[in-house]
PDB file of N, CA and C in Angstrom:
ATOM      1  N   MET A   1       8.392 -18.168   3.818  1.00  0.00           N
ATOM      2  CA  MET A   1       8.167 -16.800   4.242  1.00  0.00           C
ATOM      3  C   MET A   1       6.651 -16.540   4.242  1.00  0.00           C
ATOM      4  N   THR A   2       6.165 -15.985   5.331  1.00  0.00           N
ATOM      5  CA  THR A   2       4.751 -15.669   5.452  1.00  0.00           C
ATOM      6  C   THR A   2       4.516 -14.219   5.046  1.00  0.00           C
ATOM      7  N   LEU A   3       3.498 -14.007   4.240  1.00  0.00           N
ATOM      8  CA  LEU A   3       3.178 -12.677   3.736  1.00  0.00           C
ATOM      9  C   LEU A   3       1.975 -12.145   4.505  1.00  0.00           C
ATOM     10  N   HIS A   4       2.220 -11.269   5.478  1.00  0.00           N
ATOM     11  CA  HIS A   4       1.175 -10.805   6.384  1.00  0.00           C
ATOM     12  C   HIS A   4       0.550  -9.460   6.011  1.00  0.00           C
ATOM     13  N   PHE A   5       1.077  -8.798   5.001  1.00  0.00           N
ATOM     14  CA  PHE A   5       0.580  -7.468   4.649  1.00  0.00           C
ATOM     15  C   PHE A   5       0.094  -7.460   3.209  1.00  0.00           C
ATOM     16  N   ASP A   6      -1.188  -7.143   3.030  1.00  0.00           N
ATOM     17  CA  ASP A   6      -1.767  -7.028   1.697  1.00  0.00           C
ATOM     18  C   ASP A   6      -1.720  -5.576   1.246  1.00  0.00           C
ATOM     19  N   ILE A   7      -1.432  -5.384  -0.025  1.00  0.00           N
ATOM     20  CA  ILE A   7      -1.479  -4.062  -0.630  1.00  0.00           C
ATOM     21  C   ILE A   7      -2.701  -4.036  -1.540  1.00  0.00           C
ATOM     22  N   LEU A   8      -3.574  -3.059  -1.296  1.00  0.00           N
ATOM     23  CA  LEU A   8      -4.816  -2.919  -2.052  1.00  0.00           C
ATOM     24  C   LEU A   8      -4.844  -1.553  -2.712  1.00  0.00           C
ATOM     25  N   GLN A   9      -5.251  -1.514  -3.964  1.00  0.00           N
ATOM     26  CA  GLN A   9      -5.373  -0.244  -4.682  1.00  0.00           C
ATOM     27  C   GLN A   9      -6.812   0.236  -4.576  1.00  0.00           C
ATOM     28  N   LEU A  10      -6.980   1.503  -4.184  1.00  0.00           N
ATOM     29  CA  LEU A  10      -8.324   2.079  -4.115  1.00  0.00           C
ATOM     30  C   LEU A  10      -8.787   2.439  -5.517  1.00  0.00           C
ATOM     31  N   GLU A  11      -9.983   1.984  -5.867  1.00  0.00           N
ATOM     32  CA  GLU A  11     -10.572   2.272  -7.176  1.00  0.00           C
ATOM     33  C   GLU A  11     -11.971   2.816  -6.968  1.00  0.00           C
ATOM     34  N   THR A  12     -12.543   3.382  -7.991  1.00  0.00           N
ATOM     35  CA  THR A  12     -13.895   3.937  -7.910  1.00  0.00           C
ATOM     36  C   THR A  12     -14.902   2.864  -7.486  1.00  0.00           C
ATOM     37  N   GLU A  13     -14.743   1.661  -7.967  1.00  0.00           N
ATOM     38  CA  GLU A  13     -15.669   0.571  -7.680  1.00  0.00           C
ATOM     39  C   GLU A  13     -15.407  -0.123  -6.346  1.00  0.00           C
ATOM     40  N   GLY A  14     -14.299   0.186  -5.702  1.00  0.00           N
ATOM     41  CA  GLY A  14     -13.938  -0.486  -4.452  1.00  0.00           C
ATOM     42  C   GLY A  14     -12.431  -0.588  -4.336  1.00  0.00           C
ATOM     43  N   VAL A  15     -11.945  -1.784  -4.011  1.00  0.00           N
ATOM     44  CA  VAL A  15     -10.507  -1.995  -3.900  1.00  0.00           C
ATOM     45  C   VAL A  15     -10.100  -3.177  -4.773  1.00  0.00           C
ATOM     46  N   ARG A  16      -8.833  -3.160  -5.176  1.00  0.00           N
ATOM     47  CA  ARG A  16      -8.264  -4.248  -5.973  1.00  0.00           C
ATOM     48  C   ARG A  16      -7.009  -4.724  -5.262  1.00  0.00           C
ATOM     49  N   TRP A  17      -6.950  -6.036  -4.996  1.00  0.00           N
ATOM     50  CA  TRP A  17      -5.766  -6.606  -4.378  1.00  0.00           C
ATOM     51  C   TRP A  17      -4.614  -6.519  -5.370  1.00  0.00           C
ATOM     52  N   VAL A  18      -3.436  -6.065  -4.885  1.00  0.00           N
ATOM     53  CA  VAL A  18      -2.264  -5.936  -5.749  1.00  0.00           C
ATOM     54  C   VAL A  18      -1.268  -7.049  -5.459  1.00  0.00           C
ATOM     55  N   GLU A  19      -0.867  -7.168  -4.192  1.00  0.00           N
ATOM     56  CA  GLU A  19       0.088  -8.204  -3.813  1.00  0.00           C
ATOM     57  C   GLU A  19       0.205  -8.262  -2.295  1.00  0.00           C
ATOM     58  N   ALA A  20       0.897  -9.284  -1.806  1.00  0.00           N
ATOM     59  CA  ALA A  20       1.165  -9.431  -0.381  1.00  0.00           C
ATOM     60  C   ALA A  20       2.672  -9.410  -0.171  1.00  0.00           C
ATOM     61  N   VAL A  21       3.077  -8.858   0.963  1.00  0.00           N
ATOM     62  CA  VAL A  21       4.501  -8.749   1.312  1.00  0.00           C
ATOM     63  C   VAL A  21       4.679  -9.147   2.778  1.00  0.00           C
ATOM     64  N   PRO A  22       5.911  -9.461   3.200  1.00  0.00           N
ATOM     65  CA  PRO A  22       6.116  -9.982   4.553  1.00  0.00           C
ATOM     66  C   PRO A  22       6.103  -8.954   5.681  1.00  0.00           C
ATOM     67  N   SER A  23       6.404  -7.679   5.397  1.00  0.00           N
ATOM     68  CA  SER A  23       6.530  -6.721   6.499  1.00  0.00           C
ATOM     69  C   SER A  23       5.931  -5.370   6.122  1.00  0.00           C
ATOM     70  N   MET A  24       5.686  -4.553   7.146  1.00  0.00           N
ATOM     71  CA  MET A  24       5.183  -3.199   6.926  1.00  0.00           C
ATOM     72  C   MET A  24       6.205  -2.378   6.152  1.00  0.00           C
ATOM     73  N   GLU A  25       7.469  -2.564   6.455  1.00  0.00           N
ATOM     74  CA  GLU A  25       8.523  -1.830   5.747  1.00  0.00           C
ATOM     75  C   GLU A  25       8.512  -2.168   4.259  1.00  0.00           C
ATOM     76  N   ASP A  26       8.341  -3.463   3.943  1.00  0.00           N
ATOM     77  CA  ASP A  26       8.255  -3.872   2.540  1.00  0.00           C
ATOM     78  C   ASP A  26       7.016  -3.276   1.876  1.00  0.00           C
ATOM     79  N   ALA A  27       5.905  -3.264   2.610  1.00  0.00           N
ATOM     80  CA  ALA A  27       4.660  -2.714   2.070  1.00  0.00           C
ATOM     81  C   ALA A  27       4.807  -1.227   1.786  1.00  0.00           C
ATOM     82  N   GLN A  28       5.400  -0.489   2.698  1.00  0.00           N
ATOM     83  CA  GLN A  28       5.576   0.947   2.497  1.00  0.00           C
ATOM     84  C   GLN A  28       6.471   1.235   1.298  1.00  0.00           C
ATOM     85  N   ALA A  29       7.551   0.484   1.166  1.00  0.00           N
ATOM     86  CA  ALA A  29       8.464   0.688   0.041  1.00  0.00           C
ATOM     87  C   ALA A  29       7.768   0.354  -1.276  1.00  0.00           C
ATOM     88  N   ARG A  30       7.014  -0.741  -1.278  1.00  0.00           N
ATOM     89  CA  ARG A  30       6.324  -1.144  -2.516  1.00  0.00           C
ATOM     90  C   ARG A  30       5.240  -0.146  -2.895  1.00  0.00           C
ATOM     91  N   VAL A  31       4.486   0.345  -1.931  1.00  0.00           N
ATOM     92  CA  VAL A  31       3.449   1.335  -2.221  1.00  0.00           C
ATOM     93  C   VAL A  31       4.069   2.601  -2.788  1.00  0.00           C
ATOM     94  N   GLN A  32       5.193   3.015  -2.256  1.00  0.00           N
ATOM     95  CA  GLN A  32       5.854   4.201  -2.797  1.00  0.00           C
ATOM     96  C   GLN A  32       6.251   3.979  -4.256  1.00  0.00           C
ATOM     97  N   GLU A  33       6.743   2.791  -4.591  1.00  0.00           N
ATOM     98  CA  GLU A  33       7.065   2.460  -5.981  1.00  0.00           C
ATOM     99  C   GLU A  33       5.811   2.505  -6.857  1.00  0.00           C
ATOM    100  N   LEU A  34       4.727   1.933  -6.357  1.00  0.00           N
ATOM    101  CA  LEU A  34       3.477   1.905  -7.122  1.00  0.00           C
ATOM    102  C   LEU A  34       2.932   3.311  -7.353  1.00  0.00           C
ATOM    103  N   ILE A  35       2.958   4.140  -6.326  1.00  0.00           N
ATOM    104  CA  ILE A  35       2.444   5.507  -6.454  1.00  0.00           C
ATOM    105  C   ILE A  35       3.260   6.295  -7.475  1.00  0.00           C
ATOM    106  N   ALA A  36       4.556   6.054  -7.541  1.00  0.00           N
ATOM    107  CA  ALA A  36       5.391   6.758  -8.514  1.00  0.00           C
ATOM    108  C   ALA A  36       4.959   6.444  -9.947  1.00  0.00           C
ATOM    109  N   CYS A  37       4.400   5.255 -10.147  1.00  0.00           N
ATOM    110  CA  CYS A  37       3.969   4.844 -11.494  1.00  0.00           C
ATOM    111  C   CYS A  37       2.496   5.107 -11.767  1.00  0.00           C
ATOM    112  N   THR A  38       1.647   5.000 -10.753  1.00  0.00           N
ATOM    113  CA  THR A  38       0.197   5.010 -10.994  1.00  0.00           C
ATOM    114  C   THR A  38      -0.529   6.227 -10.464  1.00  0.00           C
ATOM    115  N   LYS A  39       0.041   6.925  -9.477  1.00  0.00           N
ATOM    116  CA  LYS A  39      -0.625   8.076  -8.834  1.00  0.00           C
ATOM    117  C   LYS A  39      -1.974   7.689  -8.220  1.00  0.00           C
ATOM    118  N   CYS A  40      -2.139   6.435  -7.826  1.00  0.00           N
ATOM    119  CA  CYS A  40      -3.367   5.966  -7.171  1.00  0.00           C
ATOM    120  C   CYS A  40      -3.166   5.959  -5.659  1.00  0.00           C
ATOM    121  N   ASP A  41      -4.262   5.771  -4.926  1.00  0.00           N
ATOM    122  CA  ASP A  41      -4.208   5.624  -3.474  1.00  0.00           C
ATOM    123  C   ASP A  41      -4.225   4.136  -3.132  1.00  0.00           C
ATOM    124  N   TYR A  42      -3.609   3.796  -2.000  1.00  0.00           N
ATOM    125  CA  TYR A  42      -3.467   2.396  -1.606  1.00  0.00           C
ATOM    126  C   TYR A  42      -3.815   2.201  -0.138  1.00  0.00           C
ATOM    127  N   ILE A  43      -4.155   0.975   0.194  1.00  0.00           N
ATOM    128  CA  ILE A  43      -4.360   0.549   1.579  1.00  0.00           C
ATOM    129  C   ILE A  43      -3.360  -0.568   1.850  1.00  0.00           C
ATOM    130  N   ILE A  44      -2.697  -0.474   2.997  1.00  0.00           N
ATOM    131  CA  ILE A  44      -1.869  -1.575   3.482  1.00  0.00           C
ATOM    132  C   ILE A  44      -2.675  -2.243   4.592  1.00  0.00           C
ATOM    133  N   PHE A  45      -2.974  -3.516   4.421  1.00  0.00           N
ATOM    134  CA  PHE A  45      -3.808  -4.257   5.366  1.00  0.00           C
ATOM    135  C   PHE A  45      -2.966  -5.295   6.088  1.00  0.00           C
ATOM    136  N   ASN A  46      -2.945  -5.212   7.419  1.00  0.00           N
ATOM    137  CA  ASN A  46      -2.219  -6.163   8.255  1.00  0.00           C
ATOM    138  C   ASN A  46      -3.144  -7.340   8.538  1.00  0.00           C
ATOM    139  N   GLN A  47      -2.822  -8.503   8.020  1.00  0.00           N
ATOM    140  CA  GLN A  47      -3.671  -9.683   8.182  1.00  0.00           C
ATOM    141  C   GLN A  47      -3.753 -10.155   9.629  1.00  0.00           C
ATOM    142  N   ARG A  48      -2.735  -9.923  10.410  1.00  0.00           N
ATOM    143  CA  ARG A  48      -2.730 -10.368  11.812  1.00  0.00           C
ATOM    144  C   ARG A  48      -3.631  -9.516  12.692  1.00  0.00           C
ATOM    145  N   THR A  49      -3.575  -8.198  12.512  1.00  0.00           N
ATOM    146  CA  THR A  49      -4.288  -7.286  13.416  1.00  0.00           C
ATOM    147  C   THR A  49      -5.525  -6.650  12.791  1.00  0.00           C
ATOM    148  N   ALA A  50      -5.680  -6.783  11.480  1.00  0.00           N
ATOM    149  CA  ALA A  50      -6.760  -6.154  10.702  1.00  0.00           C
ATOM    150  C   ALA A  50      -6.627  -4.629  10.657  1.00  0.00           C
ATOM    151  N   ASN A  51      -5.467  -4.111  11.041  1.00  0.00           N
ATOM    152  CA  ASN A  51      -5.224  -2.669  10.918  1.00  0.00           C
ATOM    153  C   ASN A  51      -5.044  -2.312   9.456  1.00  0.00           C
ATOM    154  N   ARG A  52      -5.531  -1.126   9.102  1.00  0.00           N
ATOM    155  CA  ARG A  52      -5.417  -0.630   7.740  1.00  0.00           C
ATOM    156  C   ARG A  52      -4.709   0.722   7.757  1.00  0.00           C
ATOM    157  N   THR A  53      -3.799   0.906   6.825  1.00  0.00           N
ATOM    158  CA  THR A  53      -3.105   2.175   6.649  1.00  0.00           C
ATOM    159  C   THR A  53      -3.391   2.660   5.241  1.00  0.00           C
ATOM    160  N   VAL A  54      -4.015   3.835   5.140  1.00  0.00           N
ATOM    161  CA  VAL A  54      -4.303   4.412   3.833  1.00  0.00           C
ATOM    162  C   VAL A  54      -3.136   5.302   3.439  1.00  0.00           C
ATOM    163  N   VAL A  55      -2.649   5.116   2.218  1.00  0.00           N
ATOM    164  CA  VAL A  55      -1.553   5.930   1.694  1.00  0.00           C
ATOM    165  C   VAL A  55      -2.093   6.649   0.463  1.00  0.00           C
ATOM    166  N   ARG A  56      -2.195   7.952   0.561  1.00  0.00           N
ATOM    167  CA  ARG A  56      -2.743   8.761  -0.538  1.00  0.00           C
ATOM    168  C   ARG A  56      -1.598   9.327  -1.368  1.00  0.00           C
ATOM    169  N   SER A  57      -1.708   9.171  -2.663  1.00  0.00           N
ATOM    170  CA  SER A  57      -0.649   9.644  -3.559  1.00  0.00           C
ATOM    171  C   SER A  57      -0.469  11.146  -3.455  1.00  0.00           C
ATOM    172  N   ALA A  58      -1.541  11.888  -3.209  1.00  0.00           N
ATOM    173  CA  ALA A  58      -1.454  13.347  -3.108  1.00  0.00           C
ATOM    174  C   ALA A  58      -0.660  13.790  -1.882  1.00  0.00           C
ATOM    175  N   ASP A  59      -0.566  12.924  -0.865  1.00  0.00           N
ATOM    176  CA  ASP A  59       0.150  13.270   0.361  1.00  0.00           C
ATOM    177  C   ASP A  59       1.652  13.021   0.259  1.00  0.00           C
ATOM    178  N   LEU A  60       2.084  12.341  -0.804  1.00  0.00           N
ATOM    179  CA  LEU A  60       3.496  11.989  -0.948  1.00  0.00           C
ATOM    180  C   LEU A  60       4.155  12.849  -2.010  1.00  0.00           C
ATOM    181  N   GLY A  61       5.249  13.467  -1.639  1.00  0.00           N
ATOM    182  CA  GLY A  61       6.067  14.156  -2.620  1.00  0.00           C
ATOM    183  C   GLY A  61       6.980  13.153  -3.272  1.00  0.00           C
ATOM    184  N   ALA A  62       7.691  13.549  -4.274  1.00  0.00           N
ATOM    185  CA  ALA A  62       8.575  12.638  -4.999  1.00  0.00           C
ATOM    186  C   ALA A  62       9.647  12.049  -4.083  1.00  0.00           C
ATOM    187  N   GLU A  63      10.101  12.799  -3.100  1.00  0.00           N
ATOM    188  CA  GLU A  63      11.177  12.319  -2.228  1.00  0.00           C
ATOM    189  C   GLU A  63      10.697  12.022  -0.813  1.00  0.00           C
ATOM    190  N   SER A  64       9.395  12.116  -0.556  1.00  0.00           N
ATOM    191  CA  SER A  64       8.889  11.942   0.817  1.00  0.00           C
ATOM    192  C   SER A  64       8.831  10.487   1.208  1.00  0.00           C
ATOM    193  N   PRO A  65       9.314  10.122   2.390  1.00  0.00           N
ATOM    194  CA  PRO A  65       9.125   8.759   2.883  1.00  0.00           C
ATOM    195  C   PRO A  65       7.705   8.603   3.387  1.00  0.00           C
ATOM    196  N   LEU A  66       7.255   7.369   3.528  1.00  0.00           N
ATOM    197  CA  LEU A  66       5.892   7.108   4.035  1.00  0.00           C
ATOM    198  C   LEU A  66       5.806   7.402   5.492  1.00  0.00           C
TER     199      LEU A  66
END
């Protein structure tokens, strides 16, 4: 299985790599899990296209989908 999407946590000093997952759907689900625990902001980075999606914890409600 190829892991094409990196999940990065935004920190004051920059970004921290968290993990890689195979699909955007997996990345969105994992980021939602992480935000529920950490209340941090994340970037989903597509290795194929170099597209970045910023997911801000403040923009997500407890039941809101990404």
